[in-house]
C-alpha cells in the first residue's frame, strides 16, 4: 500500500483552519538563496494560507553575521518562529535555534522542548515536525507499535533521535542505526518497521515481506531535478505492506505538523485546549 501524504495532509489542514478574527502569525527566517530552502519556505507559506494564518518571511544574505541574525530573532513578536535549515557553515545552528524563545519554537528543536519530549513524549503540545509526521502516518493505518521491532536509520536531533524516543514511549523496540553500523542490512531485514532518514539513495534495497517502510530521506536523483528518498522504491514496494513515496509522503505531513504546532502555540496562548493525540493509550498517559 502506497501512502498518499498530500491527501492526508490536506485533510488535517482543514481541521486546523482558523475561523476567528484573531489568528496566529508565523515568522520565518531564511538565510541565502538555496532553491531547496526557498521551496520549503513556499510550501509552509501555502499551508499558512490554507489554514488562514498570517506568515512573514525575513530574507537574509548568505553571509549574514550570526549576531545580526540572533538579534533579529530576539526582536520578533510572532506567535511561532522558525529558522529554515540548513544554514551556511559559518553560522552555529544550535546557537541560533536556542535564540528562539522555546515557547515560540514551532519546529520544536530548542533543547528545552526536546527535554520535555524525553519526559512527557506525545503529551507535549509541540513535537518535532518530521517525527510527528511519522507517528501520524502510523496512526492513520492504526499501526500498534507495542513490541514491534523498529529499525531507525539516522540519529540526527531533527529526526532520528527524537523519533526513536517517541517510539520507545509507545513501547516499540527500537534499534538506531548510523554510518558506523556494521550489520545494517541484517537490522533492516529483521525489522517490522523500517524508518530511514539518512539522505542516501537506495540505502534500503530489501525488507522482510510485510514490513512497514517510512522513507524520510531526501536526495537529488541521478536525473537532474529529481528528488529521491533512501529506499529503492520500485523494489521495496513489492515487499512492504505500507510504504511512503518520495516526494509526496512524509514531506507534506511534516509541513502539516508544523501548522499543528503553530495552532497549539496560539491556542495555549489564548487559553484554549490544545491538540493531544486522542489515540494514545491509557498505559501511555499513565506511564
Protein backbone atom coordinates (compact mmCIF):
# COMPACT_ATOMS: atom_id res chain seq x y z
CA UNK A 1 0.00 0.00 0.00
CA UNK A 2 1.45 3.34 -1.08
CA UNK A 3 0.77 6.21 1.33
CA UNK A 4 -0.61 9.46 -0.09
CA UNK A 5 0.86 12.23 2.06
CA UNK A 6 -0.78 15.08 0.18
CA UNK A 7 -4.25 13.65 0.70
CA UNK A 8 -3.91 13.12 4.45
CA UNK A 9 -2.12 16.44 4.98
CA UNK A 10 -4.88 18.34 3.19
CA UNK A 11 -7.49 16.59 5.30
CA UNK A 12 -5.74 17.50 8.57
CA UNK A 13 -5.10 21.09 7.47
CA UNK A 14 -8.84 21.57 7.02
CA UNK A 15 -9.34 20.70 10.70
CA UNK A 16 -6.74 23.31 11.71
CA UNK A 17 -8.30 26.20 9.79
CA UNK A 18 -8.63 29.33 11.94
CA UNK A 19 -12.04 30.97 11.70
CA UNK A 20 -11.70 33.73 14.30
CA UNK A 21 -10.69 37.32 13.55
CA UNK A 22 -7.67 36.95 15.84
CA UNK A 23 -5.26 34.44 14.35
CA UNK A 24 -1.69 33.25 14.84
CA UNK A 25 1.27 34.63 12.98
CA UNK A 26 4.35 32.69 11.87
CA UNK A 27 7.76 34.31 11.40
CA UNK A 28 10.27 32.59 9.10
CA UNK A 29 13.95 33.46 8.82
CA UNK A 30 15.51 32.41 5.50
CA UNK A 31 19.26 32.73 5.00
CA UNK A 32 20.71 32.67 1.49
CA UNK A 33 19.24 31.75 -1.86
CA UNK A 34 19.16 27.96 -1.82
CA UNK A 35 16.41 26.81 -4.23
CA UNK A 36 15.57 23.90 -1.92
CA UNK A 37 15.18 26.16 1.12
CA UNK A 38 13.05 28.61 -0.85
CA UNK A 39 10.86 25.71 -1.99
CA UNK A 40 10.37 24.50 1.59
CA UNK A 41 9.50 28.02 2.75
CA UNK A 42 6.97 28.39 -0.06
CA UNK A 43 5.28 25.16 1.00
CA UNK A 44 4.97 26.49 4.53
CA UNK A 45 3.54 29.78 3.27
CA UNK A 46 0.98 27.87 1.21
CA UNK A 47 -0.02 25.81 4.25
CA UNK A 48 -0.43 29.02 6.27
CA UNK A 49 -2.82 30.33 3.62
CA UNK A 50 -4.79 27.09 3.70
CA UNK A 51 -5.42 27.30 7.44
CA UNK A 52 -5.94 31.07 7.39
CA UNK A 53 -2.94 32.20 9.47
CA UNK A 54 -0.54 35.03 8.77
CA UNK A 55 3.10 34.46 7.87
CA UNK A 56 6.08 36.75 7.34
CA UNK A 57 9.43 35.84 5.77
CA UNK A 58 12.66 37.64 6.66
CA UNK A 59 15.29 37.01 3.99
CA UNK A 60 18.96 37.39 4.94
CA UNK A 61 22.06 37.37 2.77
CA UNK A 62 24.16 34.21 2.70
CA UNK A 63 26.98 35.98 4.59
CA UNK A 64 24.81 37.41 7.36
CA UNK A 65 26.64 37.67 10.68
CA UNK A 66 25.43 35.40 13.44
CA UNK A 67 24.95 38.23 15.95
CA UNK A 68 22.81 40.10 13.45
CA UNK A 69 20.56 37.09 12.86
CA UNK A 70 20.21 36.32 16.55
CA UNK A 71 19.39 39.94 17.37
CA UNK A 72 16.65 39.92 14.74
CA UNK A 73 15.17 36.67 16.10
CA UNK A 74 15.11 38.06 19.63
CA UNK A 75 13.16 41.11 18.42
CA UNK A 76 10.46 39.09 16.62
CA UNK A 77 6.97 39.19 18.15
CA UNK A 78 5.35 36.39 16.15
CA UNK A 79 3.43 33.56 17.82
CA UNK A 80 5.68 31.00 16.18
CA UNK A 81 9.24 31.43 14.89
CA UNK A 82 11.40 29.17 12.75
CA UNK A 83 14.76 29.41 11.02
CA UNK A 84 14.84 27.49 7.76
CA UNK A 85 17.55 24.81 7.79
CA UNK A 86 20.19 24.09 6.68
CA UNK A 87 22.21 27.21 7.44
CA UNK A 88 25.52 28.36 5.92
CA UNK A 89 28.52 26.75 7.59
CA UNK A 90 29.73 29.94 9.28
CA UNK A 91 26.56 30.03 11.41
CA UNK A 92 26.19 27.92 14.56
CA UNK A 93 22.90 26.12 14.09
CA UNK A 94 22.36 25.30 17.77
CA UNK A 95 23.12 28.82 18.99
CA UNK A 96 20.63 30.24 16.51
CA UNK A 97 17.91 27.71 17.35
CA UNK A 98 18.37 28.42 21.05
CA UNK A 99 17.94 32.15 20.44
CA UNK A 100 14.29 31.41 19.63
CA UNK A 101 12.10 31.59 22.77
CA UNK A 102 11.28 27.94 23.44
CA UNK A 103 7.56 28.67 23.72
CA UNK A 104 7.64 30.04 20.13
CA UNK A 105 9.89 27.32 18.72
CA UNK A 106 7.41 25.97 16.19
CA UNK A 107 9.95 23.45 14.80
CA UNK A 108 10.37 22.10 18.36
CA UNK A 109 14.16 21.93 18.16
CA UNK A 110 15.05 24.02 21.22
CA UNK A 111 16.78 21.96 23.93
CA UNK A 112 14.05 22.86 26.43
CA UNK A 113 11.40 21.36 24.15
CA UNK A 114 13.45 18.24 23.40
CA UNK A 115 13.96 17.71 27.14
CA UNK A 116 10.21 17.91 27.70
CA UNK A 117 9.67 15.26 24.99
CA UNK A 118 12.12 12.99 26.77
CA UNK A 119 9.87 13.12 29.85
CA UNK A 120 6.35 13.67 28.50
CA UNK A 121 6.52 12.32 24.94
CA UNK A 122 3.41 13.00 22.90
CA UNK A 123 1.71 14.71 25.81
CA UNK A 124 3.67 17.83 24.84
CA UNK A 125 1.73 20.44 22.89
CA UNK A 126 4.59 20.65 20.36
CA UNK A 127 6.52 17.82 18.73
CA UNK A 128 9.40 17.90 16.22
CA UNK A 129 7.61 18.06 12.89
CA UNK A 130 9.07 15.11 10.97
CA UNK A 131 8.87 12.66 13.90
CA UNK A 132 5.28 13.81 14.45
CA UNK A 133 4.58 13.21 10.76
CA UNK A 134 5.86 9.64 11.01
CA UNK A 135 3.72 8.96 14.08
CA UNK A 136 0.69 10.43 12.32
CA UNK A 137 1.23 8.09 9.38
CA UNK A 138 1.41 5.08 11.71
CA UNK A 139 -1.79 6.23 13.42
CA UNK A 140 -3.52 6.70 10.07
CA UNK A 141 -3.06 3.00 9.41
CA UNK A 142 -3.83 2.05 13.06
CA UNK A 143 -0.38 0.53 13.46
CA UNK A 144 0.15 -0.64 17.04
CA UNK A 145 3.91 -0.46 17.62
CA UNK A 146 3.92 -2.14 21.04
CA UNK A 147 6.61 -4.82 20.94
CA UNK A 148 7.31 -4.20 17.26
CA UNK A 149 10.93 -4.17 16.09
CA UNK A 150 11.74 -0.80 14.59
CA UNK A 151 14.96 -0.07 12.72
CA UNK A 152 15.62 3.67 12.75
CA UNK A 153 18.32 4.68 10.27
CA UNK A 154 19.77 8.05 11.24
CA UNK A 155 20.30 9.63 14.66
CA UNK A 156 20.04 13.38 13.98
CA UNK A 157 18.41 15.64 16.55
CA UNK A 158 15.99 16.69 13.80
CA UNK A 159 14.54 13.23 13.16
CA UNK A 160 16.23 10.06 14.34
CA UNK A 161 16.90 10.89 17.98
CA UNK A 162 13.50 12.35 18.94
CA UNK A 163 11.59 9.81 16.83
CA UNK A 164 13.39 6.87 18.44
CA UNK A 165 12.50 8.27 21.87
CA UNK A 166 8.85 8.80 20.94
CA UNK A 167 8.56 5.27 19.55
CA UNK A 168 10.07 3.85 22.72
CA UNK A 169 7.48 5.81 24.71
CA UNK A 170 4.93 3.83 22.67
CA UNK A 171 6.74 0.64 23.79
CA UNK A 172 8.31 -0.23 20.45
CA UNK A 173 11.68 -1.99 20.46
CA UNK A 174 13.90 0.46 18.59
CA UNK A 175 17.33 -0.12 17.08
CA UNK A 176 19.05 3.08 15.97
CA UNK A 177 21.49 2.62 13.09
CA UNK A 178 24.03 5.07 11.66
CA UNK A 179 27.03 5.26 9.35
CA UNK A 180 29.13 3.08 11.68
CA UNK A 181 26.55 0.30 11.97
CA UNK A 182 28.18 -2.91 10.77
CA UNK A 183 25.13 -5.09 10.10
CA UNK A 184 22.69 -2.56 8.63
CA UNK A 185 21.16 -4.94 6.07
CA UNK A 186 20.51 -7.51 8.80
CA UNK A 187 18.89 -4.89 11.05
CA UNK A 188 16.66 -3.83 8.16
CA UNK A 189 15.62 -7.39 7.31
CA UNK A 190 14.76 -8.14 10.96
CA UNK A 191 12.54 -5.08 11.36
CA UNK A 192 8.75 -4.93 11.40
CA UNK A 193 9.03 -1.19 10.72
CA UNK A 194 11.89 0.48 8.84
CA UNK A 195 12.30 4.25 9.08
CA UNK A 196 15.17 5.77 7.10
CA UNK A 197 16.37 9.35 7.47
CA UNK A 198 19.91 9.13 6.13
CA UNK A 199 19.78 11.07 2.85
CA UNK A 200 21.44 8.24 0.90
CA UNK A 201 19.68 6.97 -2.25
CA UNK A 202 18.88 3.24 -2.41
CA UNK A 203 20.24 2.64 1.07
CA UNK A 204 17.26 0.37 1.76
CA UNK A 205 17.07 -2.19 -1.04
CA UNK A 206 15.18 -5.03 0.62
CA UNK A 207 12.93 -5.52 3.64
CA UNK A 208 11.17 -8.52 5.06
CA UNK A 209 7.82 -9.32 3.49
CA UNK A 210 5.03 -7.26 5.01
CA UNK A 211 7.25 -4.70 6.74
CA UNK A 212 6.18 -1.07 7.06
CA UNK A 213 8.64 1.29 5.35
CA UNK A 214 8.73 5.03 6.02
CA UNK A 215 11.18 6.99 3.89
CA UNK A 216 12.24 10.30 5.41
CA UNK A 217 15.40 10.72 3.30
CA UNK A 218 15.70 13.37 0.60
CA UNK A 219 18.43 13.41 -2.04
CA UNK A 220 18.99 14.52 -5.61
CA UNK A 221 18.38 11.65 -8.01
CA UNK A 222 20.51 10.65 -10.97
CA UNK A 223 18.26 12.66 -13.26
CA UNK A 224 18.63 16.42 -12.82
CA UNK A 225 15.85 17.89 -10.71
CA UNK A 226 14.52 14.54 -9.50
CA UNK A 227 14.11 14.08 -5.75
CA UNK A 228 14.54 10.59 -4.30
CA UNK A 229 14.48 9.02 -0.87
CA UNK A 230 16.62 6.44 0.91
CA UNK A 231 14.52 3.50 -0.24
CA UNK A 232 14.79 1.64 -3.54
CA UNK A 233 11.10 2.28 -4.05
CA UNK A 234 10.47 0.17 -7.16
CA UNK A 235 11.91 -2.91 -5.48
CA UNK A 236 10.74 -2.43 -1.90
CA UNK A 237 7.14 -1.53 -2.76
CA UNK A 238 6.56 -5.18 -3.67
CA UNK A 239 7.81 -6.33 -0.27
CA UNK A 240 6.28 -3.74 2.07
CA UNK A 241 2.73 -3.75 3.39
CA UNK A 242 2.85 0.06 3.67
CA UNK A 243 5.42 2.36 2.06
CA UNK A 244 5.79 6.13 1.81
CA UNK A 245 6.98 7.61 -1.50
CA UNK A 246 9.44 10.46 -2.04
CA UNK A 247 8.20 13.02 -2.85
CA UNK A 248 4.59 13.02 -1.67
CA UNK A 249 4.95 11.01 1.52
CA UNK A 250 6.45 12.30 4.75
CA UNK A 251 7.18 15.77 3.32
CA UNK A 252 3.61 17.12 3.12
CA UNK A 253 2.89 15.64 6.54
CA UNK A 254 5.89 17.42 8.05
CA UNK A 255 4.53 20.80 6.94
CA UNK A 256 1.13 19.80 8.27
CA UNK A 257 2.62 19.02 11.70
CA UNK A 258 4.35 22.41 11.68
CA UNK A 259 0.93 24.02 11.27
CA UNK A 260 -0.43 21.93 14.13
CA UNK A 261 2.42 23.13 16.36
CA UNK A 262 1.69 26.73 15.42
CA UNK A 263 -2.00 26.32 16.21
CA UNK A 264 -1.20 24.68 19.55
CA UNK A 265 1.16 27.53 20.48
CA UNK A 266 -1.58 30.03 19.69
CA UNK A 267 -4.35 28.06 21.42
CA UNK A 268 -2.28 27.73 24.58
CA UNK A 269 -1.65 31.48 24.49
CA UNK A 270 -5.41 32.05 24.12
CA UNK A 271 -6.22 29.67 26.98
CA UNK A 272 -7.87 27.16 24.63
CA UNK A 273 -7.44 23.35 24.70
CA UNK A 274 -4.53 22.17 22.56
CA UNK A 275 -4.38 19.08 20.36
CA UNK A 276 -3.12 15.92 22.07
CA UNK A 277 -3.20 12.66 20.13
CA UNK A 278 -6.54 11.02 21.00
CA UNK A 279 -5.16 7.57 20.13
CA UNK A 280 -2.68 7.49 22.99
CA UNK A 281 -3.42 4.53 25.23
CA UNK A 282 -4.22 4.75 28.95
CA UNK A 283 -0.91 3.00 29.59
CA UNK A 284 0.92 5.80 27.77
CA UNK A 285 -0.98 8.51 29.59
CA UNK A 286 -0.20 6.93 32.96
CA UNK A 287 3.45 6.00 32.22
